[in-house]
Amino acid sequence: MRRFLLAFLTLSLVGPVVHADILGVRAGANYWKYDISGTARYKTSNSANDIDVNNDLGYDNGSAGVYYLVLEHPVPVLPNVRLSYTNIDEDADGRLTRTVLYGNTIFVANEAVSSQVQLKQTDIALYYSVLDNVVNLDLGLNAKYIDSKAKITGSISGTQDSSVSGWVPMAYLGAGVDLPLTGLSVSAEGSFVKYSGSSFYDYTARATYTTPWRVGVDVGYRKIKLDLDDFDNSYANVTFDGPYAGAYLHF
């Protein structure tokens, strides 16, 4: 939460240098509280080696800061830009329900394990505003960079590290409705792609209130789902989803 407040205060200091008639800017930060669920395995295509992140590893829920910057301009031929960064960093203790192969290590049934997982996501969305009045519609492309690291340490079998990284091109869609004269709006946006047996999607739905003083607040729900089929030697079906609250500055 301290990182969230620091980021917001920093944005409040640097924001006024942008002239609204030339470039529209929205910069903000969210505090996201999510549940974690799904299965994962590494370097094996045999689903018998699936590790349940809840029942085997002991994960339940977590929280993360999300930071973003939106740049919109009046030049028709150039896309608008939305940059965002999410850092999921969790650890847990659990006990395996059966013997599994993870990477090059065999972890045995009933073995106590500790684990850490980090999932950093950087999104660069380029989009065009097809509609921009009471009803808003944005269409474009999102380049998502995934940098994930995980480690499982067993009380008997030792430690196995794994990593997944790479760019994922995704379709981007945003839509919303402004309620005139109220400062209120509802909107949703998402990125998605499916190829080579793997699929990714990341979507957000929110309600927003923009004050007359260049400050706004929003509450919403975000869901990230990673369904990996031999993506950088990883196989997984993992979901992070839950509510968030945030604040932003606009110029």
C-alpha atoms as a PDB file:
ATOM      1  CA  MET A   1       0.000   0.000   0.000  1.00  0.00           C
ATOM      2  CA  ARG A   2       2.920   2.379   0.636  1.00  0.00           C
ATOM      3  CA  ARG A   3       4.108   1.782  -2.944  1.00  0.00           C
ATOM      4  CA  PHE A   4       0.592   2.575  -4.171  1.00  0.00           C
ATOM      5  CA  LEU A   5       0.491   5.922  -2.319  1.00  0.00           C
ATOM      6  CA  LEU A   6       4.024   6.848  -3.364  1.00  0.00           C
ATOM      7  CA  ALA A   7       3.251   6.217  -7.008  1.00  0.00           C
ATOM      8  CA  PHE A   8       0.087   8.302  -6.859  1.00  0.00           C
ATOM      9  CA  LEU A   9       1.825  11.236  -5.166  1.00  0.00           C
ATOM     10  CA  THR A  10       4.631  11.127  -7.736  1.00  0.00           C
ATOM     11  CA  LEU A  11       2.115  11.270 -10.564  1.00  0.00           C
ATOM     12  CA  SER A  12       0.435  14.289  -8.961  1.00  0.00           C
ATOM     13  CA  LEU A  13       3.711  16.193  -9.080  1.00  0.00           C
ATOM     14  CA  VAL A  14       4.734  15.410 -12.665  1.00  0.00           C
ATOM     15  CA  GLY A  15       1.284  15.494 -14.298  1.00  0.00           C
ATOM     16  CA  PRO A  16       0.670  19.246 -14.648  1.00  0.00           C
ATOM     17  CA  VAL A  17       3.539  19.664 -17.150  1.00  0.00           C
ATOM     18  CA  VAL A  18       1.342  18.113 -19.862  1.00  0.00           C
ATOM     19  CA  HIS A  19      -0.918  20.498 -21.767  1.00  0.00           C
ATOM     20  CA  ALA A  20      -4.378  18.971 -22.177  1.00  0.00           C
ATOM     21  CA  ASP A  21      -5.037  20.647 -25.557  1.00  0.00           C
ATOM     22  CA  ILE A  22      -2.097  18.763 -27.072  1.00  0.00           C
ATOM     23  CA  LEU A  23      -2.156  15.453 -25.270  1.00  0.00           C
ATOM     24  CA  GLY A  24      -4.677  13.803 -22.968  1.00  0.00           C
ATOM     25  CA  VAL A  25      -3.026  11.916 -20.126  1.00  0.00           C
ATOM     26  CA  ARG A  26      -4.354   9.574 -17.466  1.00  0.00           C
ATOM     27  CA  ALA A  27      -1.927   8.149 -14.931  1.00  0.00           C
ATOM     28  CA  GLY A  28      -2.966   5.957 -12.059  1.00  0.00           C
ATOM     29  CA  ALA A  29      -2.367   3.116  -9.661  1.00  0.00           C
ATOM     30  CA  ASN A  30      -4.602   0.308  -8.389  1.00  0.00           C
ATOM     31  CA  TYR A  31      -4.514  -2.004  -5.395  1.00  0.00           C
ATOM     32  CA  TRP A  32      -5.654  -5.452  -6.586  1.00  0.00           C
ATOM     33  CA  LYS A  33      -6.781  -8.211  -4.221  1.00  0.00           C
ATOM     34  CA  TYR A  34      -7.001 -11.545  -6.046  1.00  0.00           C
ATOM     35  CA  ASP A  35      -7.678 -15.239  -5.567  1.00  0.00           C
ATOM     36  CA  ILE A  36      -5.245 -17.772  -7.064  1.00  0.00           C
ATOM     37  CA  SER A  37      -6.334 -21.101  -8.551  1.00  0.00           C
ATOM     38  CA  GLY A  38      -5.271 -23.683 -11.113  1.00  0.00           C
ATOM     39  CA  THR A  39      -2.554 -26.205 -11.917  1.00  0.00           C
ATOM     40  CA  ALA A  40       1.005 -26.102 -13.234  1.00  0.00           C
ATOM     41  CA  ARG A  41       3.764 -28.423 -14.430  1.00  0.00           C
ATOM     42  CA  TYR A  42       7.200 -27.927 -15.946  1.00  0.00           C
ATOM     43  CA  LYS A  43       9.097 -29.784 -18.674  1.00  0.00           C
ATOM     44  CA  THR A  44       6.568 -32.605 -18.872  1.00  0.00           C
ATOM     45  CA  SER A  45       3.480 -32.968 -21.076  1.00  0.00           C
ATOM     46  CA  ASN A  46       1.983 -35.678 -18.848  1.00  0.00           C
ATOM     47  CA  SER A  47      -1.015 -34.189 -17.041  1.00  0.00           C
ATOM     48  CA  ALA A  48      -0.556 -36.766 -14.266  1.00  0.00           C
ATOM     49  CA  ASN A  49       2.186 -34.412 -13.019  1.00  0.00           C
ATOM     50  CA  ASP A  50      -0.157 -31.450 -12.594  1.00  0.00           C
ATOM     51  CA  ILE A  51       0.482 -29.624  -9.312  1.00  0.00           C
ATOM     52  CA  ASP A  52      -2.590 -27.970  -7.819  1.00  0.00           C
ATOM     53  CA  VAL A  53      -1.611 -24.503  -6.619  1.00  0.00           C
ATOM     54  CA  ASN A  54      -4.217 -24.605  -3.830  1.00  0.00           C
ATOM     55  CA  ASN A  55      -4.309 -28.212  -2.598  1.00  0.00           C
ATOM     56  CA  ASP A  56      -0.606 -29.013  -3.155  1.00  0.00           C
ATOM     57  CA  LEU A  57       1.225 -25.709  -2.772  1.00  0.00           C
ATOM     58  CA  GLY A  58      -1.073 -23.924  -0.343  1.00  0.00           C
ATOM     59  CA  TYR A  59      -1.850 -20.748  -2.332  1.00  0.00           C
ATOM     60  CA  ASP A  60      -5.097 -18.958  -1.557  1.00  0.00           C
ATOM     61  CA  ASN A  61      -5.099 -15.236  -2.289  1.00  0.00           C
ATOM     62  CA  GLY A  62      -2.732 -12.316  -2.649  1.00  0.00           C
ATOM     63  CA  SER A  63      -2.449  -8.655  -3.602  1.00  0.00           C
ATOM     64  CA  ALA A  64      -0.503  -6.529  -6.043  1.00  0.00           C
ATOM     65  CA  GLY A  65      -0.003  -2.966  -7.198  1.00  0.00           C
ATOM     66  CA  VAL A  66      -0.930  -2.101 -10.780  1.00  0.00           C
ATOM     67  CA  TYR A  67       0.399   1.058 -12.448  1.00  0.00           C
ATOM     68  CA  TYR A  68      -0.663   2.537 -15.772  1.00  0.00           C
ATOM     69  CA  LEU A  69      -0.314   5.503 -18.102  1.00  0.00           C
ATOM     70  CA  VAL A  70      -2.708   6.366 -20.945  1.00  0.00           C
ATOM     71  CA  LEU A  71      -1.783   8.825 -23.697  1.00  0.00           C
ATOM     72  CA  GLU A  72      -4.483  10.033 -26.104  1.00  0.00           C
ATOM     73  CA  HIS A  73      -4.041  12.635 -28.823  1.00  0.00           C
ATOM     74  CA  PRO A  74      -6.005  14.277 -31.681  1.00  0.00           C
ATOM     75  CA  VAL A  75      -3.871  12.926 -34.581  1.00  0.00           C
ATOM     76  CA  PRO A  76      -6.159  10.499 -36.505  1.00  0.00           C
ATOM     77  CA  VAL A  77      -3.494   8.297 -38.122  1.00  0.00           C
ATOM     78  CA  LEU A  78      -1.523   7.617 -34.943  1.00  0.00           C
ATOM     79  CA  PRO A  79      -2.761   5.156 -32.321  1.00  0.00           C
ATOM     80  CA  ASN A  80      -3.309   6.036 -28.704  1.00  0.00           C
ATOM     81  CA  VAL A  81      -1.081   4.306 -26.148  1.00  0.00           C
ATOM     82  CA  ARG A  82      -1.800   2.524 -22.882  1.00  0.00           C
ATOM     83  CA  LEU A  83       1.127   1.301 -20.779  1.00  0.00           C
ATOM     84  CA  SER A  84       0.637  -0.826 -17.675  1.00  0.00           C
ATOM     85  CA  TYR A  85       2.709  -2.887 -15.262  1.00  0.00           C
ATOM     86  CA  THR A  86       1.600  -5.633 -12.862  1.00  0.00           C
ATOM     87  CA  ASN A  87       3.885  -7.482 -10.445  1.00  0.00           C
ATOM     88  CA  ILE A  88       2.451 -10.591  -8.777  1.00  0.00           C
ATOM     89  CA  ASP A  89       4.852 -11.895  -6.117  1.00  0.00           C
ATOM     90  CA  GLU A  90       3.645 -14.623  -3.740  1.00  0.00           C
ATOM     91  CA  ASP A  91       4.924 -17.491  -1.595  1.00  0.00           C
ATOM     92  CA  ALA A  92       3.227 -20.352   0.253  1.00  0.00           C
ATOM     93  CA  ASP A  93       3.749 -23.576   2.156  1.00  0.00           C
ATOM     94  CA  GLY A  94       1.937 -26.812   1.330  1.00  0.00           C
ATOM     95  CA  ARG A  95       2.050 -30.589   1.232  1.00  0.00           C
ATOM     96  CA  LEU A  96       1.886 -32.687  -1.934  1.00  0.00           C
ATOM     97  CA  THR A  97      -1.074 -34.994  -2.337  1.00  0.00           C
ATOM     98  CA  ARG A  98       0.847 -37.379  -4.637  1.00  0.00           C
ATOM     99  CA  THR A  99       4.242 -37.969  -6.244  1.00  0.00           C
ATOM    100  CA  VAL A 100       4.913 -35.647  -9.206  1.00  0.00           C
ATOM    101  CA  LEU A 101       7.713 -34.792 -11.607  1.00  0.00           C
ATOM    102  CA  TYR A 102       8.394 -31.048 -11.813  1.00  0.00           C
ATOM    103  CA  GLY A 103      11.233 -30.140 -14.167  1.00  0.00           C
ATOM    104  CA  ASN A 104      14.061 -32.528 -13.399  1.00  0.00           C
ATOM    105  CA  THR A 105      12.987 -33.214  -9.808  1.00  0.00           C
ATOM    106  CA  ILE A 106      10.640 -35.867  -8.434  1.00  0.00           C
ATOM    107  CA  PHE A 107       8.683 -34.641  -5.414  1.00  0.00           C
ATOM    108  CA  VAL A 108       7.157 -37.446  -3.376  1.00  0.00           C
ATOM    109  CA  ALA A 109       3.656 -37.827  -1.981  1.00  0.00           C
ATOM    110  CA  ASN A 110       3.001 -36.181   1.392  1.00  0.00           C
ATOM    111  CA  GLU A 111       6.229 -34.177   1.131  1.00  0.00           C
ATOM    112  CA  ALA A 112       6.161 -30.715   2.728  1.00  0.00           C
ATOM    113  CA  VAL A 113       6.997 -28.032   0.170  1.00  0.00           C
ATOM    114  CA  SER A 114       7.563 -24.289   0.125  1.00  0.00           C
ATOM    115  CA  SER A 115       7.284 -22.289  -3.070  1.00  0.00           C
ATOM    116  CA  GLN A 116       7.616 -18.821  -4.527  1.00  0.00           C
ATOM    117  CA  VAL A 117       6.092 -17.459  -7.710  1.00  0.00           C
ATOM    118  CA  GLN A 118       6.616 -14.128  -9.441  1.00  0.00           C
ATOM    119  CA  LEU A 119       4.655 -13.018 -12.492  1.00  0.00           C
ATOM    120  CA  LYS A 120       5.626  -9.655 -13.963  1.00  0.00           C
ATOM    121  CA  GLN A 121       3.507  -8.332 -16.811  1.00  0.00           C
ATOM    122  CA  THR A 122       4.227  -5.297 -18.967  1.00  0.00           C
ATOM    123  CA  ASP A 123       1.506  -4.292 -21.426  1.00  0.00           C
ATOM    124  CA  ILE A 124       1.915  -1.918 -24.359  1.00  0.00           C
ATOM    125  CA  ALA A 125      -1.464  -1.372 -26.024  1.00  0.00           C
ATOM    126  CA  LEU A 126      -1.794   0.644 -29.239  1.00  0.00           C
ATOM    127  CA  TYR A 127      -5.411   1.412 -30.081  1.00  0.00           C
ATOM    128  CA  TYR A 128      -7.771   3.670 -32.023  1.00  0.00           C
ATOM    129  CA  SER A 129     -10.881   5.287 -30.558  1.00  0.00           C
ATOM    130  CA  VAL A 130     -13.616   4.218 -32.968  1.00  0.00           C
ATOM    131  CA  LEU A 131     -16.222   6.008 -30.851  1.00  0.00           C
ATOM    132  CA  ASP A 132     -15.401   8.818 -28.441  1.00  0.00           C
ATOM    133  CA  ASN A 133     -18.461  10.561 -27.004  1.00  0.00           C
ATOM    134  CA  VAL A 134     -21.073   9.297 -24.542  1.00  0.00           C
ATOM    135  CA  VAL A 135     -20.322   5.793 -25.796  1.00  0.00           C
ATOM    136  CA  ASN A 136     -16.643   4.892 -26.178  1.00  0.00           C
ATOM    137  CA  LEU A 137     -15.151   2.066 -28.218  1.00  0.00           C
ATOM    138  CA  ASP A 138     -11.426   1.340 -28.585  1.00  0.00           C
ATOM    139  CA  LEU A 139      -9.860  -1.285 -30.866  1.00  0.00           C
ATOM    140  CA  GLY A 140      -6.197  -2.190 -31.181  1.00  0.00           C
ATOM    141  CA  LEU A 141      -3.343  -4.512 -30.353  1.00  0.00           C
ATOM    142  CA  ASN A 142      -1.572  -5.229 -27.076  1.00  0.00           C
ATOM    143  CA  ALA A 143       1.980  -6.512 -26.731  1.00  0.00           C
ATOM    144  CA  LYS A 144       2.195  -8.276 -23.358  1.00  0.00           C
ATOM    145  CA  TYR A 145       5.599  -9.228 -21.988  1.00  0.00           C
ATOM    146  CA  ILE A 146       5.448 -12.042 -19.441  1.00  0.00           C
ATOM    147  CA  ASP A 147       8.364 -12.653 -17.090  1.00  0.00           C
ATOM    148  CA  SER A 148       7.569 -15.425 -14.633  1.00  0.00           C
ATOM    149  CA  LYS A 149       9.790 -17.268 -12.160  1.00  0.00           C
ATOM    150  CA  ALA A 150       8.819 -20.067  -9.787  1.00  0.00           C
ATOM    151  CA  LYS A 151      10.647 -22.226  -7.266  1.00  0.00           C
ATOM    152  CA  ILE A 152       9.522 -25.306  -5.352  1.00  0.00           C
ATOM    153  CA  THR A 153      11.574 -26.627  -2.434  1.00  0.00           C
ATOM    154  CA  GLY A 154      10.717 -29.990  -0.901  1.00  0.00           C
ATOM    155  CA  SER A 155      11.747 -31.183   2.536  1.00  0.00           C
ATOM    156  CA  ILE A 156      13.026 -34.415   0.929  1.00  0.00           C
ATOM    157  CA  SER A 157      13.571 -33.874  -2.797  1.00  0.00           C
ATOM    158  CA  GLY A 158      15.394 -30.521  -2.942  1.00  0.00           C
ATOM    159  CA  THR A 159      14.713 -27.457  -5.086  1.00  0.00           C
ATOM    160  CA  GLN A 160      13.548 -26.977  -8.664  1.00  0.00           C
ATOM    161  CA  ASP A 161      13.424 -23.595 -10.405  1.00  0.00           C
ATOM    162  CA  SER A 162      11.382 -22.739 -13.488  1.00  0.00           C
ATOM    163  CA  SER A 163      10.974 -19.664 -15.645  1.00  0.00           C
ATOM    164  CA  VAL A 164       8.736 -18.427 -18.442  1.00  0.00           C
ATOM    165  CA  SER A 165       9.339 -15.274 -20.456  1.00  0.00           C
ATOM    166  CA  GLY A 166       8.400 -13.834 -23.806  1.00  0.00           C
ATOM    167  CA  TRP A 167       6.239 -11.418 -25.759  1.00  0.00           C
ATOM    168  CA  VAL A 168       2.597 -12.310 -26.407  1.00  0.00           C
ATOM    169  CA  PRO A 169       0.732 -10.338 -29.126  1.00  0.00           C
ATOM    170  CA  MET A 170      -2.936  -9.900 -28.198  1.00  0.00           C
ATOM    171  CA  ALA A 171      -6.082  -8.263 -29.523  1.00  0.00           C
ATOM    172  CA  TYR A 172      -7.219  -5.267 -27.465  1.00  0.00           C
ATOM    173  CA  LEU A 173     -10.803  -4.081 -26.947  1.00  0.00           C
ATOM    174  CA  GLY A 174     -12.197  -1.356 -24.716  1.00  0.00           C
ATOM    175  CA  ALA A 175     -15.761  -0.080 -24.323  1.00  0.00           C
ATOM    176  CA  GLY A 176     -17.520   2.288 -21.964  1.00  0.00           C
ATOM    177  CA  VAL A 177     -20.456   4.602 -21.307  1.00  0.00           C
ATOM    178  CA  ASP A 178     -20.257   8.051 -19.713  1.00  0.00           C
ATOM    179  CA  LEU A 179     -23.167   9.294 -17.641  1.00  0.00           C
ATOM    180  CA  PRO A 180     -23.511  12.985 -18.674  1.00  0.00           C
ATOM    181  CA  LEU A 181     -23.075  15.708 -16.040  1.00  0.00           C
ATOM    182  CA  THR A 182     -22.259  13.231 -13.269  1.00  0.00           C
ATOM    183  CA  GLY A 183     -18.568  12.419 -13.659  1.00  0.00           C
ATOM    184  CA  LEU A 184     -19.558   8.740 -13.515  1.00  0.00           C
ATOM    185  CA  SER A 185     -18.806   6.110 -16.127  1.00  0.00           C
ATOM    186  CA  VAL A 186     -18.748   2.350 -16.519  1.00  0.00           C
ATOM    187  CA  SER A 187     -16.275   0.593 -18.774  1.00  0.00           C
ATOM    188  CA  ALA A 188     -14.464  -2.612 -19.546  1.00  0.00           C
ATOM    189  CA  GLU A 189     -11.303  -3.503 -21.423  1.00  0.00           C
ATOM    190  CA  GLY A 190      -9.466  -6.661 -22.224  1.00  0.00           C
ATOM    191  CA  SER A 191      -6.732  -8.372 -24.189  1.00  0.00           C
ATOM    192  CA  PHE A 192      -6.900 -11.910 -25.497  1.00  0.00           C
ATOM    193  CA  VAL A 193      -5.166 -14.365 -27.818  1.00  0.00           C
ATOM    194  CA  LYS A 194      -5.174 -18.084 -28.554  1.00  0.00           C
ATOM    195  CA  TYR A 195      -2.542 -19.931 -30.577  1.00  0.00           C
ATOM    196  CA  SER A 196      -0.491 -23.150 -30.633  1.00  0.00           C
ATOM    197  CA  GLY A 197      -2.633 -24.689 -27.903  1.00  0.00           C
ATOM    198  CA  SER A 198      -2.050 -21.834 -25.454  1.00  0.00           C
ATOM    199  CA  SER A 199      -4.455 -19.032 -24.607  1.00  0.00           C
ATOM    200  CA  PHE A 200      -4.186 -15.841 -22.589  1.00  0.00           C
ATOM    201  CA  TYR A 201      -6.735 -13.314 -21.514  1.00  0.00           C
ATOM    202  CA  ASP A 202      -6.710 -10.329 -19.214  1.00  0.00           C
ATOM    203  CA  TYR A 203      -9.834  -8.244 -18.677  1.00  0.00           C
ATOM    204  CA  THR A 204     -11.093  -5.534 -16.350  1.00  0.00           C
ATOM    205  CA  ALA A 205     -14.566  -4.135 -15.622  1.00  0.00           C
ATOM    206  CA  ARG A 206     -14.909  -0.931 -13.603  1.00  0.00           C
ATOM    207  CA  ALA A 207     -17.017   1.963 -12.371  1.00  0.00           C
ATOM    208  CA  THR A 208     -15.268   5.343 -12.396  1.00  0.00           C
ATOM    209  CA  TYR A 209     -15.863   8.751 -10.865  1.00  0.00           C
ATOM    210  CA  THR A 210     -13.916  11.738 -12.208  1.00  0.00           C
ATOM    211  CA  THR A 211     -13.882  14.869 -10.069  1.00  0.00           C
ATOM    212  CA  PRO A 212     -13.616  18.438 -11.447  1.00  0.00           C
ATOM    213  CA  TRP A 213     -10.099  18.682  -9.945  1.00  0.00           C
ATOM    214  CA  ARG A 214      -8.241  16.306 -12.287  1.00  0.00           C
ATOM    215  CA  VAL A 215      -8.478  13.463  -9.793  1.00  0.00           C
ATOM    216  CA  GLY A 216     -10.542  10.325 -10.203  1.00  0.00           C
ATOM    217  CA  VAL A 217     -11.251   7.070  -8.396  1.00  0.00           C
ATOM    218  CA  ASP A 218     -12.401   3.708  -9.657  1.00  0.00           C
ATOM    219  CA  VAL A 219     -13.390   0.300  -8.370  1.00  0.00           C
ATOM    220  CA  GLY A 220     -13.613  -2.840 -10.409  1.00  0.00           C
ATOM    221  CA  TYR A 221     -12.799  -6.459 -11.046  1.00  0.00           C
ATOM    222  CA  ARG A 222      -9.844  -7.936 -12.931  1.00  0.00           C
ATOM    223  CA  LYS A 223      -9.187 -11.467 -14.155  1.00  0.00           C
ATOM    224  CA  ILE A 224      -6.021 -12.906 -15.690  1.00  0.00           C
ATOM    225  CA  LYS A 225      -6.002 -16.437 -17.065  1.00  0.00           C
ATOM    226  CA  LEU A 226      -2.925 -18.202 -18.430  1.00  0.00           C
ATOM    227  CA  ASP A 227      -3.511 -21.503 -20.217  1.00  0.00           C
ATOM    228  CA  LEU A 228      -0.046 -22.661 -21.314  1.00  0.00           C
ATOM    229  CA  ASP A 229       0.669 -25.643 -23.540  1.00  0.00           C
ATOM    230  CA  ASP A 230       4.441 -26.019 -23.842  1.00  0.00           C
ATOM    231  CA  PHE A 231       5.017 -22.274 -23.642  1.00  0.00           C
ATOM    232  CA  ASP A 232       8.734 -21.969 -22.851  1.00  0.00           C
ATOM    233  CA  ASN A 233       8.632 -25.555 -21.436  1.00  0.00           C
ATOM    234  CA  SER A 234       5.715 -24.733 -19.136  1.00  0.00           C
ATOM    235  CA  TYR A 235       2.217 -26.186 -18.927  1.00  0.00           C
ATOM    236  CA  ALA A 236      -0.302 -24.403 -16.755  1.00  0.00           C
ATOM    237  CA  ASN A 237      -3.911 -23.411 -16.303  1.00  0.00           C
ATOM    238  CA  VAL A 238      -3.737 -20.634 -13.716  1.00  0.00           C
ATOM    239  CA  THR A 239      -6.192 -17.868 -12.849  1.00  0.00           C
ATOM    240  CA  PHE A 240      -5.790 -14.663 -10.830  1.00  0.00           C
ATOM    241  CA  ASP A 241      -9.049 -12.804 -10.247  1.00  0.00           C
ATOM    242  CA  GLY A 242     -10.582 -10.396  -7.779  1.00  0.00           C
ATOM    243  CA  PRO A 243     -11.623  -6.819  -6.963  1.00  0.00           C
ATOM    244  CA  TYR A 244      -9.478  -3.703  -7.020  1.00  0.00           C
ATOM    245  CA  ALA A 245      -9.654  -0.028  -6.068  1.00  0.00           C
ATOM    246  CA  GLY A 246      -7.560   2.791  -7.440  1.00  0.00           C
ATOM    247  CA  ALA A 247      -7.029   6.463  -8.086  1.00  0.00           C
ATOM    248  CA  TYR A 248      -5.756   8.448 -11.062  1.00  0.00           C
ATOM    249  CA  LEU A 249      -4.893  11.879 -12.366  1.00  0.00           C
ATOM    250  CA  HIS A 250      -6.062  13.163 -15.750  1.00  0.00           C
ATOM    251  CA  PHE A 251      -4.954  16.171 -17.807  1.00  0.00           C
END
